[in-house]
Amino acid sequence: MAEIHVYDVLIRPVITEKSNIMSDDLNQYVFEVHPDANKIQIKEAVELVFPNDIEVAKVRTMIMPAKRGLRGRRTFLRSKQWKKAIVTLKPGHKIELFNL
């Protein structure tokens, strides 16, 4: 398996109503990550990319399945499979980009 560069691990933050509630109440942030990234790489990437010396307490990952659609009798892919990471920060730490 090829080594993933730290700046290629995090693809984008996932901004939804549920992720906003998680960041406000539980101090958890949701990201789309590289499919081959593991929890250690995700933790290092979050601590490196975001300023203010944040500390990650826990990382949970999950594979979000592809969504399929139907047109007549034919099926097609509406969205591809992707990997999601829920990053929990230690108390007192926040990512300010989400709190604008």
N, C-alpha and C. Protein backbone atom coordinates (compact mmCIF):
# COMPACT_ATOMS: atom_id res chain seq x y z
N MET A 1 0.85 -1.18 0.00
CA MET A 1 0.00 0.00 0.00
C MET A 1 0.89 1.24 0.00
N ALA A 2 0.58 2.18 -0.87
CA ALA A 2 1.37 3.39 -0.98
C ALA A 2 1.08 4.34 0.17
N GLU A 3 2.09 5.08 0.56
CA GLU A 3 1.93 6.05 1.65
C GLU A 3 1.14 7.26 1.15
N ILE A 4 0.18 7.71 1.93
CA ILE A 4 -0.65 8.85 1.59
C ILE A 4 -0.04 10.09 2.22
N HIS A 5 0.08 11.17 1.44
CA HIS A 5 0.61 12.42 1.99
C HIS A 5 -0.41 13.00 2.98
N VAL A 6 0.08 13.68 4.00
CA VAL A 6 -0.78 14.18 5.08
C VAL A 6 -1.86 15.11 4.55
N TYR A 7 -1.53 15.93 3.56
CA TYR A 7 -2.50 16.88 3.04
C TYR A 7 -3.49 16.24 2.07
N ASP A 8 -3.29 14.97 1.72
CA ASP A 8 -4.24 14.26 0.86
C ASP A 8 -5.23 13.42 1.66
N VAL A 9 -5.05 13.34 2.97
CA VAL A 9 -5.91 12.49 3.79
C VAL A 9 -7.30 13.11 3.91
N LEU A 10 -7.40 14.38 4.28
CA LEU A 10 -8.70 15.05 4.43
C LEU A 10 -9.11 15.59 3.07
N ILE A 11 -10.27 15.17 2.59
CA ILE A 11 -10.76 15.65 1.30
C ILE A 11 -11.64 16.88 1.48
N ARG A 12 -12.63 16.80 2.36
CA ARG A 12 -13.52 17.94 2.59
C ARG A 12 -14.26 17.72 3.90
N PRO A 13 -14.69 18.80 4.54
CA PRO A 13 -15.57 18.64 5.69
C PRO A 13 -16.99 18.34 5.21
N VAL A 14 -17.71 17.57 5.97
CA VAL A 14 -19.09 17.26 5.65
C VAL A 14 -19.96 18.18 6.49
N ILE A 15 -20.63 19.12 5.82
CA ILE A 15 -21.46 20.12 6.50
C ILE A 15 -22.93 19.76 6.28
N THR A 16 -23.55 19.22 7.31
CA THR A 16 -24.97 18.92 7.28
C THR A 16 -25.59 19.41 8.58
N GLU A 17 -26.88 19.33 8.67
CA GLU A 17 -27.55 19.74 9.90
C GLU A 17 -27.11 18.86 11.07
N LYS A 18 -26.99 17.57 10.83
CA LYS A 18 -26.57 16.66 11.89
C LYS A 18 -25.12 16.92 12.30
N SER A 19 -24.23 17.17 11.33
CA SER A 19 -22.83 17.42 11.69
C SER A 19 -22.67 18.74 12.44
N ASN A 20 -23.51 19.72 12.15
CA ASN A 20 -23.47 20.98 12.90
C ASN A 20 -23.90 20.76 14.35
N ILE A 21 -24.91 19.94 14.57
CA ILE A 21 -25.34 19.63 15.93
C ILE A 21 -24.24 18.87 16.66
N MET A 22 -23.59 17.94 15.97
CA MET A 22 -22.51 17.17 16.58
C MET A 22 -21.34 18.07 16.98
N SER A 23 -21.01 19.05 16.14
CA SER A 23 -19.89 19.94 16.47
C SER A 23 -20.25 20.86 17.63
N ASP A 24 -21.50 21.29 17.72
CA ASP A 24 -21.90 22.18 18.81
C ASP A 24 -22.03 21.45 20.14
N ASP A 25 -22.67 20.30 20.14
CA ASP A 25 -22.99 19.61 21.38
C ASP A 25 -21.92 18.60 21.83
N LEU A 26 -21.35 17.86 20.88
CA LEU A 26 -20.47 16.74 21.23
C LEU A 26 -19.00 16.99 20.93
N ASN A 27 -18.67 18.14 20.33
CA ASN A 27 -17.29 18.48 19.96
C ASN A 27 -16.74 17.46 18.96
N GLN A 28 -17.60 17.04 18.00
CA GLN A 28 -17.22 16.09 16.96
C GLN A 28 -17.35 16.76 15.60
N TYR A 29 -16.40 16.45 14.71
CA TYR A 29 -16.39 17.03 13.38
C TYR A 29 -16.32 15.92 12.35
N VAL A 30 -17.01 16.10 11.22
CA VAL A 30 -17.14 15.05 10.22
C VAL A 30 -16.38 15.47 8.96
N PHE A 31 -15.59 14.53 8.41
CA PHE A 31 -14.80 14.78 7.22
C PHE A 31 -14.97 13.64 6.24
N GLU A 32 -14.88 13.96 4.93
CA GLU A 32 -14.67 12.93 3.93
C GLU A 32 -13.17 12.74 3.83
N VAL A 33 -12.72 11.50 3.91
CA VAL A 33 -11.29 11.22 3.93
C VAL A 33 -10.92 10.28 2.78
N HIS A 34 -9.62 10.17 2.55
CA HIS A 34 -9.09 9.28 1.52
C HIS A 34 -9.50 7.85 1.84
N PRO A 35 -9.92 7.06 0.86
CA PRO A 35 -10.40 5.70 1.14
C PRO A 35 -9.35 4.78 1.78
N ASP A 36 -8.07 5.05 1.56
CA ASP A 36 -7.02 4.19 2.11
C ASP A 36 -6.45 4.71 3.42
N ALA A 37 -6.95 5.84 3.92
CA ALA A 37 -6.41 6.43 5.15
C ALA A 37 -6.89 5.64 6.36
N ASN A 38 -5.98 5.47 7.34
CA ASN A 38 -6.38 4.81 8.57
C ASN A 38 -6.58 5.86 9.67
N LYS A 39 -7.00 5.41 10.86
CA LYS A 39 -7.35 6.34 11.93
C LYS A 39 -6.15 7.15 12.41
N ILE A 40 -4.98 6.55 12.43
CA ILE A 40 -3.77 7.26 12.88
C ILE A 40 -3.43 8.38 11.90
N GLN A 41 -3.51 8.09 10.61
CA GLN A 41 -3.24 9.11 9.60
C GLN A 41 -4.26 10.25 9.66
N ILE A 42 -5.52 9.92 9.91
CA ILE A 42 -6.57 10.95 10.00
C ILE A 42 -6.31 11.84 11.21
N LYS A 43 -5.94 11.25 12.34
CA LYS A 43 -5.65 12.03 13.54
C LYS A 43 -4.48 12.97 13.30
N GLU A 44 -3.40 12.48 12.70
CA GLU A 44 -2.23 13.32 12.42
C GLU A 44 -2.58 14.44 11.45
N ALA A 45 -3.39 14.14 10.44
CA ALA A 45 -3.76 15.16 9.45
C ALA A 45 -4.59 16.27 10.09
N VAL A 46 -5.56 15.93 10.94
CA VAL A 46 -6.40 16.94 11.57
C VAL A 46 -5.55 17.82 12.49
N GLU A 47 -4.66 17.21 13.27
CA GLU A 47 -3.82 17.99 14.19
C GLU A 47 -2.83 18.87 13.44
N LEU A 48 -2.40 18.47 12.24
CA LEU A 48 -1.45 19.26 11.47
C LEU A 48 -2.13 20.37 10.66
N VAL A 49 -3.25 20.05 10.02
CA VAL A 49 -3.88 20.99 9.08
C VAL A 49 -4.53 22.16 9.79
N PHE A 50 -5.20 21.91 10.92
CA PHE A 50 -5.93 22.98 11.58
C PHE A 50 -5.05 23.67 12.62
N PRO A 51 -5.12 25.00 12.69
CA PRO A 51 -4.27 25.75 13.63
C PRO A 51 -4.76 25.63 15.08
N ASN A 52 -4.13 26.38 15.96
CA ASN A 52 -4.49 26.49 17.38
C ASN A 52 -4.18 25.23 18.18
N ASP A 53 -3.28 24.38 17.71
CA ASP A 53 -2.83 23.21 18.46
C ASP A 53 -3.97 22.39 19.04
N ILE A 54 -4.88 21.94 18.17
CA ILE A 54 -5.99 21.11 18.65
C ILE A 54 -5.49 19.70 18.91
N GLU A 55 -6.17 18.99 19.81
CA GLU A 55 -5.83 17.62 20.14
C GLU A 55 -7.03 16.72 19.88
N VAL A 56 -6.80 15.63 19.17
CA VAL A 56 -7.85 14.68 18.82
C VAL A 56 -7.93 13.62 19.90
N ALA A 57 -9.15 13.37 20.38
CA ALA A 57 -9.36 12.34 21.39
C ALA A 57 -9.67 10.99 20.75
N LYS A 58 -10.50 10.99 19.69
CA LYS A 58 -10.94 9.74 19.09
C LYS A 58 -11.29 9.95 17.64
N VAL A 59 -11.09 8.93 16.82
CA VAL A 59 -11.47 8.95 15.41
C VAL A 59 -12.29 7.70 15.12
N ARG A 60 -13.46 7.91 14.53
CA ARG A 60 -14.28 6.78 14.07
C ARG A 60 -14.43 6.89 12.57
N THR A 61 -14.32 5.78 11.86
CA THR A 61 -14.44 5.80 10.41
C THR A 61 -15.54 4.86 9.96
N MET A 62 -16.09 5.16 8.80
CA MET A 62 -17.10 4.29 8.20
C MET A 62 -17.09 4.47 6.69
N ILE A 63 -17.46 3.43 5.99
CA ILE A 63 -17.58 3.47 4.54
C ILE A 63 -19.04 3.75 4.20
N MET A 64 -19.26 4.85 3.50
CA MET A 64 -20.61 5.19 3.08
C MET A 64 -20.87 4.52 1.73
N PRO A 65 -21.90 3.69 1.62
CA PRO A 65 -22.10 2.92 0.39
C PRO A 65 -22.56 3.81 -0.77
N ALA A 66 -22.35 3.30 -1.96
CA ALA A 66 -22.80 4.01 -3.16
C ALA A 66 -24.33 4.04 -3.19
N LYS A 67 -24.87 5.13 -3.71
CA LYS A 67 -26.33 5.24 -3.83
C LYS A 67 -26.71 4.88 -5.26
N ARG A 68 -27.70 4.02 -5.37
CA ARG A 68 -28.13 3.57 -6.69
C ARG A 68 -29.48 4.20 -7.03
N GLY A 69 -29.70 4.39 -8.31
CA GLY A 69 -30.95 4.95 -8.78
C GLY A 69 -31.55 4.07 -9.85
N LEU A 70 -32.79 4.35 -10.21
CA LEU A 70 -33.50 3.59 -11.23
C LEU A 70 -34.06 4.53 -12.28
N ARG A 71 -33.86 4.18 -13.54
CA ARG A 71 -34.54 4.86 -14.64
C ARG A 71 -35.14 3.77 -15.50
N GLY A 72 -36.43 3.59 -15.37
CA GLY A 72 -37.06 2.47 -16.06
C GLY A 72 -36.61 1.18 -15.41
N ARG A 73 -36.04 0.29 -16.22
CA ARG A 73 -35.54 -0.97 -15.68
C ARG A 73 -34.03 -0.92 -15.45
N ARG A 74 -33.40 0.16 -15.78
CA ARG A 74 -31.95 0.27 -15.68
C ARG A 74 -31.55 0.91 -14.35
N THR A 75 -30.51 0.38 -13.75
CA THR A 75 -29.97 0.98 -12.54
C THR A 75 -28.71 1.76 -12.89
N PHE A 76 -28.43 2.77 -12.10
CA PHE A 76 -27.23 3.58 -12.29
C PHE A 76 -26.76 4.06 -10.92
N LEU A 77 -25.52 4.52 -10.85
CA LEU A 77 -24.98 5.04 -9.60
C LEU A 77 -25.23 6.53 -9.50
N ARG A 78 -25.94 6.94 -8.45
CA ARG A 78 -26.15 8.37 -8.21
C ARG A 78 -24.95 8.99 -7.55
N SER A 79 -24.28 8.24 -6.65
CA SER A 79 -23.05 8.72 -6.01
C SER A 79 -22.16 7.53 -5.73
N LYS A 80 -20.87 7.76 -5.72
CA LYS A 80 -19.93 6.67 -5.51
C LYS A 80 -19.72 6.42 -4.01
N GLN A 81 -19.09 5.32 -3.71
CA GLN A 81 -18.77 4.97 -2.33
C GLN A 81 -17.67 5.89 -1.82
N TRP A 82 -17.76 6.30 -0.52
CA TRP A 82 -16.75 7.18 0.05
C TRP A 82 -16.56 6.86 1.53
N LYS A 83 -15.46 7.35 2.08
CA LYS A 83 -15.12 7.06 3.47
C LYS A 83 -15.34 8.31 4.31
N LYS A 84 -15.99 8.13 5.46
CA LYS A 84 -16.31 9.23 6.36
C LYS A 84 -15.59 9.01 7.68
N ALA A 85 -15.09 10.11 8.26
CA ALA A 85 -14.44 10.04 9.57
C ALA A 85 -15.12 11.03 10.51
N ILE A 86 -15.43 10.57 11.72
CA ILE A 86 -15.96 11.43 12.77
C ILE A 86 -14.83 11.62 13.78
N VAL A 87 -14.37 12.86 13.90
CA VAL A 87 -13.23 13.18 14.74
C VAL A 87 -13.73 13.86 16.01
N THR A 88 -13.44 13.28 17.16
CA THR A 88 -13.80 13.85 18.45
C THR A 88 -12.58 14.56 19.03
N LEU A 89 -12.75 15.83 19.39
CA LEU A 89 -11.66 16.60 19.97
C LEU A 89 -11.73 16.54 21.49
N LYS A 90 -10.59 16.76 22.13
CA LYS A 90 -10.55 16.80 23.59
C LYS A 90 -11.29 18.03 24.08
N PRO A 91 -11.84 18.00 25.29
CA PRO A 91 -12.59 19.14 25.82
C PRO A 91 -11.74 20.41 25.81
N GLY A 92 -12.36 21.51 25.43
CA GLY A 92 -11.66 22.79 25.38
C GLY A 92 -11.07 23.11 24.02
N HIS A 93 -11.08 22.17 23.10
CA HIS A 93 -10.54 22.38 21.75
C HIS A 93 -11.68 22.53 20.76
N LYS A 94 -11.53 23.44 19.82
CA LYS A 94 -12.55 23.65 18.79
C LYS A 94 -11.85 23.92 17.47
N ILE A 95 -12.51 23.58 16.36
CA ILE A 95 -12.05 23.95 15.03
C ILE A 95 -12.86 25.17 14.64
N GLU A 96 -12.20 26.30 14.50
CA GLU A 96 -12.91 27.57 14.31
C GLU A 96 -13.54 27.71 12.93
N LEU A 97 -13.06 26.95 11.94
CA LEU A 97 -13.64 27.06 10.59
C LEU A 97 -15.10 26.65 10.58
N PHE A 98 -15.49 25.77 11.49
CA PHE A 98 -16.88 25.31 11.53
C PHE A 98 -17.78 26.26 12.31
N ASN A 99 -17.20 27.14 13.12
CA ASN A 99 -17.99 27.97 14.02
C ASN A 99 -18.12 29.40 13.52
N LEU A 100 -18.15 29.60 12.21
CA LEU A 100 -18.27 30.96 11.67
C LEU A 100 -19.70 31.41 11.64
